[in-house]
């Protein structure tokens, strides 16, 4: 009875190795894959940034629409017209003094 003690066979070691490899692969894919946690965090950050950019552009468009309406034929804001003429054309009244 010298060799009656049984040891785990090579099949068990291969099974454990394959199982460990698959577990590591799926863990890596869940964290850094195309649909992983890091990608999800990046997409959420991009969505917040784009939402803020959209809101800023909407505010800018509203400002431009207001100025356009104020310079239209139906409603003319003389102060805005005076400001734009001074800024764009460099117009000034005859009784003003320009200091540079």
N, C-alpha and C. Protein backbone atom coordinates (compact mmCIF):
# COMPACT_ATOMS: atom_id res chain seq x y z
N UNK A 1 0.80 -1.18 0.00
CA UNK A 1 0.00 0.00 0.00
C UNK A 1 0.84 1.25 0.00
N UNK A 2 1.73 1.28 -0.80
CA UNK A 2 2.62 2.43 -0.83
C UNK A 2 2.04 3.60 -1.61
N UNK A 3 1.20 3.43 -2.59
CA UNK A 3 0.72 4.53 -3.43
C UNK A 3 -0.79 4.67 -3.42
N UNK A 4 -1.47 4.44 -2.33
CA UNK A 4 -2.92 4.51 -2.31
C UNK A 4 -3.46 5.92 -2.06
N UNK A 5 -2.65 6.85 -1.71
CA UNK A 5 -3.11 8.23 -1.46
C UNK A 5 -3.40 8.93 -2.79
N UNK A 6 -4.60 9.56 -2.93
CA UNK A 6 -4.99 10.19 -4.18
C UNK A 6 -4.72 11.69 -4.13
N UNK A 7 -4.20 12.23 -5.19
CA UNK A 7 -3.99 13.67 -5.33
C UNK A 7 -4.94 14.18 -6.41
N UNK A 8 -5.26 15.49 -6.35
CA UNK A 8 -6.12 16.03 -7.41
C UNK A 8 -5.41 15.88 -8.76
N UNK A 9 -6.16 15.54 -9.74
CA UNK A 9 -5.59 15.32 -11.04
C UNK A 9 -5.30 16.62 -11.79
N UNK A 10 -4.75 16.47 -12.94
CA UNK A 10 -4.41 17.61 -13.79
C UNK A 10 -5.68 18.33 -14.25
N UNK A 11 -6.77 17.62 -14.39
CA UNK A 11 -8.05 18.20 -14.83
C UNK A 11 -8.56 19.26 -13.87
N UNK A 12 -8.40 19.03 -12.59
CA UNK A 12 -8.86 20.01 -11.60
C UNK A 12 -8.04 21.29 -11.69
N UNK A 13 -6.73 21.17 -11.90
CA UNK A 13 -5.88 22.35 -12.03
C UNK A 13 -6.22 23.15 -13.29
N UNK A 14 -6.50 22.43 -14.39
CA UNK A 14 -6.89 23.10 -15.63
C UNK A 14 -8.24 23.80 -15.44
N UNK A 15 -9.18 23.12 -14.79
CA UNK A 15 -10.50 23.71 -14.54
C UNK A 15 -10.37 24.99 -13.71
N UNK A 16 -9.58 24.97 -12.65
CA UNK A 16 -9.38 26.15 -11.82
C UNK A 16 -8.69 27.27 -12.61
N UNK A 17 -7.72 26.91 -13.43
CA UNK A 17 -7.03 27.92 -14.23
C UNK A 17 -7.95 28.59 -15.24
N UNK A 18 -8.75 27.80 -15.93
CA UNK A 18 -9.70 28.35 -16.91
C UNK A 18 -10.75 29.20 -16.20
N UNK A 19 -11.27 28.71 -15.07
CA UNK A 19 -12.27 29.46 -14.32
C UNK A 19 -11.70 30.80 -13.84
N UNK A 20 -10.49 30.79 -13.33
CA UNK A 20 -9.86 32.03 -12.88
C UNK A 20 -9.64 32.99 -14.04
N UNK A 21 -9.20 32.46 -15.19
CA UNK A 21 -8.98 33.31 -16.37
C UNK A 21 -10.27 33.95 -16.84
N UNK A 22 -11.36 33.18 -16.89
CA UNK A 22 -12.65 33.74 -17.31
C UNK A 22 -13.15 34.79 -16.32
N UNK A 23 -12.98 34.52 -15.04
CA UNK A 23 -13.41 35.49 -14.03
C UNK A 23 -12.62 36.79 -14.16
N UNK A 24 -11.34 36.71 -14.41
CA UNK A 24 -10.52 37.92 -14.59
C UNK A 24 -10.92 38.67 -15.85
N UNK A 25 -11.21 37.93 -16.93
CA UNK A 25 -11.62 38.57 -18.18
C UNK A 25 -12.93 39.34 -18.00
N UNK A 26 -13.92 38.70 -17.40
CA UNK A 26 -15.21 39.36 -17.23
C UNK A 26 -15.13 40.51 -16.23
N UNK A 27 -14.29 40.40 -15.24
CA UNK A 27 -14.09 41.51 -14.31
C UNK A 27 -13.46 42.69 -15.02
N UNK A 28 -12.45 42.43 -15.83
CA UNK A 28 -11.81 43.50 -16.59
C UNK A 28 -12.80 44.15 -17.56
N UNK A 29 -13.60 43.33 -18.25
CA UNK A 29 -14.58 43.87 -19.20
C UNK A 29 -15.65 44.69 -18.49
N UNK A 30 -16.02 44.29 -17.28
CA UNK A 30 -17.04 45.04 -16.54
C UNK A 30 -16.53 46.38 -16.06
N UNK A 31 -15.22 46.50 -15.87
CA UNK A 31 -14.67 47.76 -15.37
C UNK A 31 -14.20 48.65 -16.52
N UNK A 32 -13.45 48.10 -17.48
CA UNK A 32 -12.85 48.94 -18.50
C UNK A 32 -13.31 48.65 -19.92
N UNK A 33 -14.32 47.84 -20.10
CA UNK A 33 -14.79 47.51 -21.44
C UNK A 33 -15.59 48.65 -22.06
N UNK A 34 -16.12 48.38 -23.26
CA UNK A 34 -16.92 49.39 -23.97
C UNK A 34 -18.16 49.79 -23.18
N UNK A 35 -18.69 48.90 -22.40
CA UNK A 35 -19.88 49.18 -21.60
C UNK A 35 -19.56 49.10 -20.11
N UNK A 36 -18.32 49.31 -19.74
CA UNK A 36 -17.87 49.17 -18.36
C UNK A 36 -18.14 50.41 -17.53
N UNK A 37 -17.70 50.34 -16.29
CA UNK A 37 -17.94 51.43 -15.34
C UNK A 37 -17.23 52.71 -15.74
N UNK A 38 -15.97 52.60 -16.17
CA UNK A 38 -15.22 53.80 -16.54
C UNK A 38 -15.85 54.50 -17.74
N UNK A 39 -16.30 53.72 -18.72
CA UNK A 39 -16.94 54.30 -19.90
C UNK A 39 -18.26 54.99 -19.51
N UNK A 40 -19.00 54.38 -18.58
CA UNK A 40 -20.26 54.98 -18.14
C UNK A 40 -20.01 56.32 -17.44
N UNK A 41 -18.99 56.37 -16.59
CA UNK A 41 -18.65 57.62 -15.91
C UNK A 41 -18.25 58.69 -16.92
N UNK A 42 -17.49 58.29 -17.93
CA UNK A 42 -17.08 59.23 -18.97
C UNK A 42 -18.29 59.74 -19.76
N UNK A 43 -19.21 58.88 -20.08
CA UNK A 43 -20.41 59.29 -20.83
C UNK A 43 -21.27 60.24 -20.01
N UNK A 44 -21.40 59.98 -18.72
CA UNK A 44 -22.19 60.88 -17.85
C UNK A 44 -21.53 62.25 -17.74
N UNK A 45 -20.20 62.28 -17.66
CA UNK A 45 -19.49 63.57 -17.59
C UNK A 45 -19.66 64.33 -18.90
N UNK A 46 -19.58 63.62 -20.04
CA UNK A 46 -19.79 64.26 -21.33
C UNK A 46 -21.22 64.81 -21.45
N UNK A 47 -22.18 64.06 -20.94
CA UNK A 47 -23.57 64.52 -21.01
C UNK A 47 -23.77 65.78 -20.18
N UNK A 48 -23.16 65.85 -19.00
CA UNK A 48 -23.27 67.06 -18.18
C UNK A 48 -22.61 68.25 -18.86
N UNK A 49 -21.43 68.01 -19.46
CA UNK A 49 -20.72 69.10 -20.14
C UNK A 49 -21.54 69.61 -21.33
N UNK A 50 -22.09 68.69 -22.11
CA UNK A 50 -22.89 69.09 -23.27
C UNK A 50 -24.19 69.78 -22.86
N UNK A 51 -24.78 69.37 -21.76
CA UNK A 51 -25.98 70.05 -21.27
C UNK A 51 -25.66 71.48 -20.86
N UNK A 52 -24.54 71.67 -20.18
CA UNK A 52 -24.14 73.03 -19.79
C UNK A 52 -23.85 73.87 -21.03
N UNK A 53 -23.21 73.28 -22.03
CA UNK A 53 -22.91 74.02 -23.26
C UNK A 53 -24.20 74.38 -24.00
N UNK A 54 -25.16 73.44 -24.02
CA UNK A 54 -26.44 73.71 -24.66
C UNK A 54 -27.17 74.86 -23.96
N UNK A 55 -27.15 74.86 -22.63
CA UNK A 55 -27.81 75.93 -21.88
C UNK A 55 -27.15 77.27 -22.13
N UNK A 56 -25.82 77.30 -22.21
CA UNK A 56 -25.11 78.55 -22.50
C UNK A 56 -25.45 79.05 -23.90
N UNK A 57 -25.52 78.14 -24.87
CA UNK A 57 -25.87 78.55 -26.23
C UNK A 57 -27.32 79.03 -26.32
N UNK A 58 -28.20 78.40 -25.56
CA UNK A 58 -29.60 78.85 -25.55
C UNK A 58 -29.71 80.27 -24.98
N UNK A 59 -28.95 80.56 -23.94
CA UNK A 59 -28.96 81.90 -23.36
C UNK A 59 -28.40 82.91 -24.36
N UNK A 60 -27.34 82.52 -25.07
CA UNK A 60 -26.75 83.42 -26.07
C UNK A 60 -27.73 83.67 -27.22
N UNK A 61 -28.43 82.64 -27.65
CA UNK A 61 -29.42 82.79 -28.72
C UNK A 61 -30.56 83.70 -28.25
N UNK A 62 -30.99 83.55 -27.02
CA UNK A 62 -32.06 84.41 -26.49
C UNK A 62 -31.61 85.88 -26.47
N UNK A 63 -30.35 86.12 -26.10
CA UNK A 63 -29.82 87.49 -26.11
C UNK A 63 -29.81 88.05 -27.52
N UNK A 64 -29.35 87.26 -28.48
CA UNK A 64 -29.33 87.73 -29.87
C UNK A 64 -30.74 87.96 -30.42
N UNK A 65 -31.67 87.10 -30.07
CA UNK A 65 -33.06 87.30 -30.51
C UNK A 65 -33.63 88.59 -29.93
N UNK A 66 -33.30 88.88 -28.68
CA UNK A 66 -33.77 90.11 -28.05
C UNK A 66 -33.20 91.33 -28.77
N UNK A 67 -31.90 91.31 -29.06
CA UNK A 67 -31.30 92.44 -29.78
C UNK A 67 -31.88 92.59 -31.17
N UNK A 68 -32.12 91.47 -31.84
CA UNK A 68 -32.70 91.52 -33.19
C UNK A 68 -34.10 92.12 -33.15
N UNK A 69 -34.89 91.70 -32.16
CA UNK A 69 -36.24 92.24 -32.03
C UNK A 69 -36.19 93.73 -31.72
N UNK A 70 -35.24 94.15 -30.89
CA UNK A 70 -35.15 95.56 -30.52
C UNK A 70 -34.67 96.44 -31.67
N UNK A 71 -34.02 95.87 -32.67
CA UNK A 71 -33.59 96.64 -33.83
C UNK A 71 -34.49 96.44 -35.05
N UNK A 72 -35.60 95.73 -34.88
CA UNK A 72 -36.49 95.45 -36.02
C UNK A 72 -37.32 96.69 -36.36
N UNK A 73 -38.01 96.60 -37.48
CA UNK A 73 -38.83 97.73 -37.94
C UNK A 73 -40.03 97.97 -37.03
N UNK A 74 -40.59 96.91 -36.48
CA UNK A 74 -41.78 97.05 -35.64
C UNK A 74 -41.47 97.66 -34.28
N UNK A 75 -40.26 97.50 -33.79
CA UNK A 75 -39.90 98.01 -32.46
C UNK A 75 -38.46 98.46 -32.54
N UNK A 76 -38.19 99.74 -32.41
CA UNK A 76 -36.85 100.27 -32.55
C UNK A 76 -36.40 100.88 -31.23
N UNK A 77 -35.35 100.33 -30.68
CA UNK A 77 -34.77 100.84 -29.44
C UNK A 77 -33.66 101.82 -29.82
N UNK A 78 -33.90 103.10 -29.58
CA UNK A 78 -32.94 104.12 -30.00
C UNK A 78 -31.62 104.04 -29.24
N UNK A 79 -31.68 103.66 -27.99
CA UNK A 79 -30.43 103.53 -27.22
C UNK A 79 -29.55 102.41 -27.79
N UNK A 80 -30.17 101.30 -28.13
CA UNK A 80 -29.40 100.20 -28.72
C UNK A 80 -28.87 100.59 -30.09
N UNK A 81 -29.66 101.29 -30.88
CA UNK A 81 -29.21 101.75 -32.20
C UNK A 81 -28.04 102.71 -32.06
N UNK A 82 -28.09 103.61 -31.10
CA UNK A 82 -26.99 104.54 -30.85
C UNK A 82 -25.74 103.79 -30.42
N UNK A 83 -25.90 102.82 -29.53
CA UNK A 83 -24.75 102.03 -29.06
C UNK A 83 -24.09 101.28 -30.22
N UNK A 84 -24.89 100.62 -31.06
CA UNK A 84 -24.33 99.84 -32.18
C UNK A 84 -23.68 100.75 -33.21
N UNK A 85 -24.26 101.93 -33.47
CA UNK A 85 -23.65 102.86 -34.42
C UNK A 85 -22.31 103.36 -33.92
N UNK A 86 -22.20 103.61 -32.63
CA UNK A 86 -20.92 104.04 -32.06
C UNK A 86 -19.88 102.93 -32.11
N UNK A 87 -20.31 101.70 -31.80
CA UNK A 87 -19.36 100.59 -31.75
C UNK A 87 -18.90 100.17 -33.14
N UNK A 88 -19.82 100.07 -34.07
CA UNK A 88 -19.48 99.54 -35.40
C UNK A 88 -18.93 100.62 -36.31
N UNK A 89 -19.59 101.77 -36.37
CA UNK A 89 -19.20 102.81 -37.32
C UNK A 89 -18.28 103.87 -36.73
N UNK A 90 -18.15 103.90 -35.43
CA UNK A 90 -17.32 104.92 -34.81
C UNK A 90 -17.98 106.30 -34.87
N UNK A 91 -19.30 106.34 -34.86
CA UNK A 91 -20.04 107.60 -34.96
C UNK A 91 -20.08 108.27 -33.59
N UNK A 92 -20.01 109.62 -33.61
CA UNK A 92 -20.17 110.39 -32.38
C UNK A 92 -20.91 111.67 -32.69
N UNK A 93 -21.51 112.24 -31.67
CA UNK A 93 -22.23 113.49 -31.88
C UNK A 93 -21.23 114.65 -31.93
N UNK A 94 -21.71 115.79 -32.44
CA UNK A 94 -20.82 116.95 -32.61
C UNK A 94 -20.48 117.62 -31.30
N UNK A 95 -21.31 117.43 -30.26
CA UNK A 95 -21.05 118.08 -28.99
C UNK A 95 -20.28 117.19 -28.01
N UNK A 96 -19.79 116.04 -28.44
CA UNK A 96 -19.03 115.14 -27.58
C UNK A 96 -17.52 115.34 -27.75
N UNK A 97 -16.78 115.05 -26.69
CA UNK A 97 -15.33 115.12 -26.72
C UNK A 97 -14.80 113.70 -26.53
N UNK A 98 -13.88 113.31 -27.41
CA UNK A 98 -13.32 111.96 -27.35
C UNK A 98 -11.96 112.04 -26.67
N UNK A 99 -11.79 111.24 -25.64
CA UNK A 99 -10.52 111.17 -24.92
C UNK A 99 -9.95 109.78 -25.15
N UNK A 100 -8.71 109.73 -25.63
CA UNK A 100 -8.06 108.44 -25.88
C UNK A 100 -6.96 108.21 -24.92
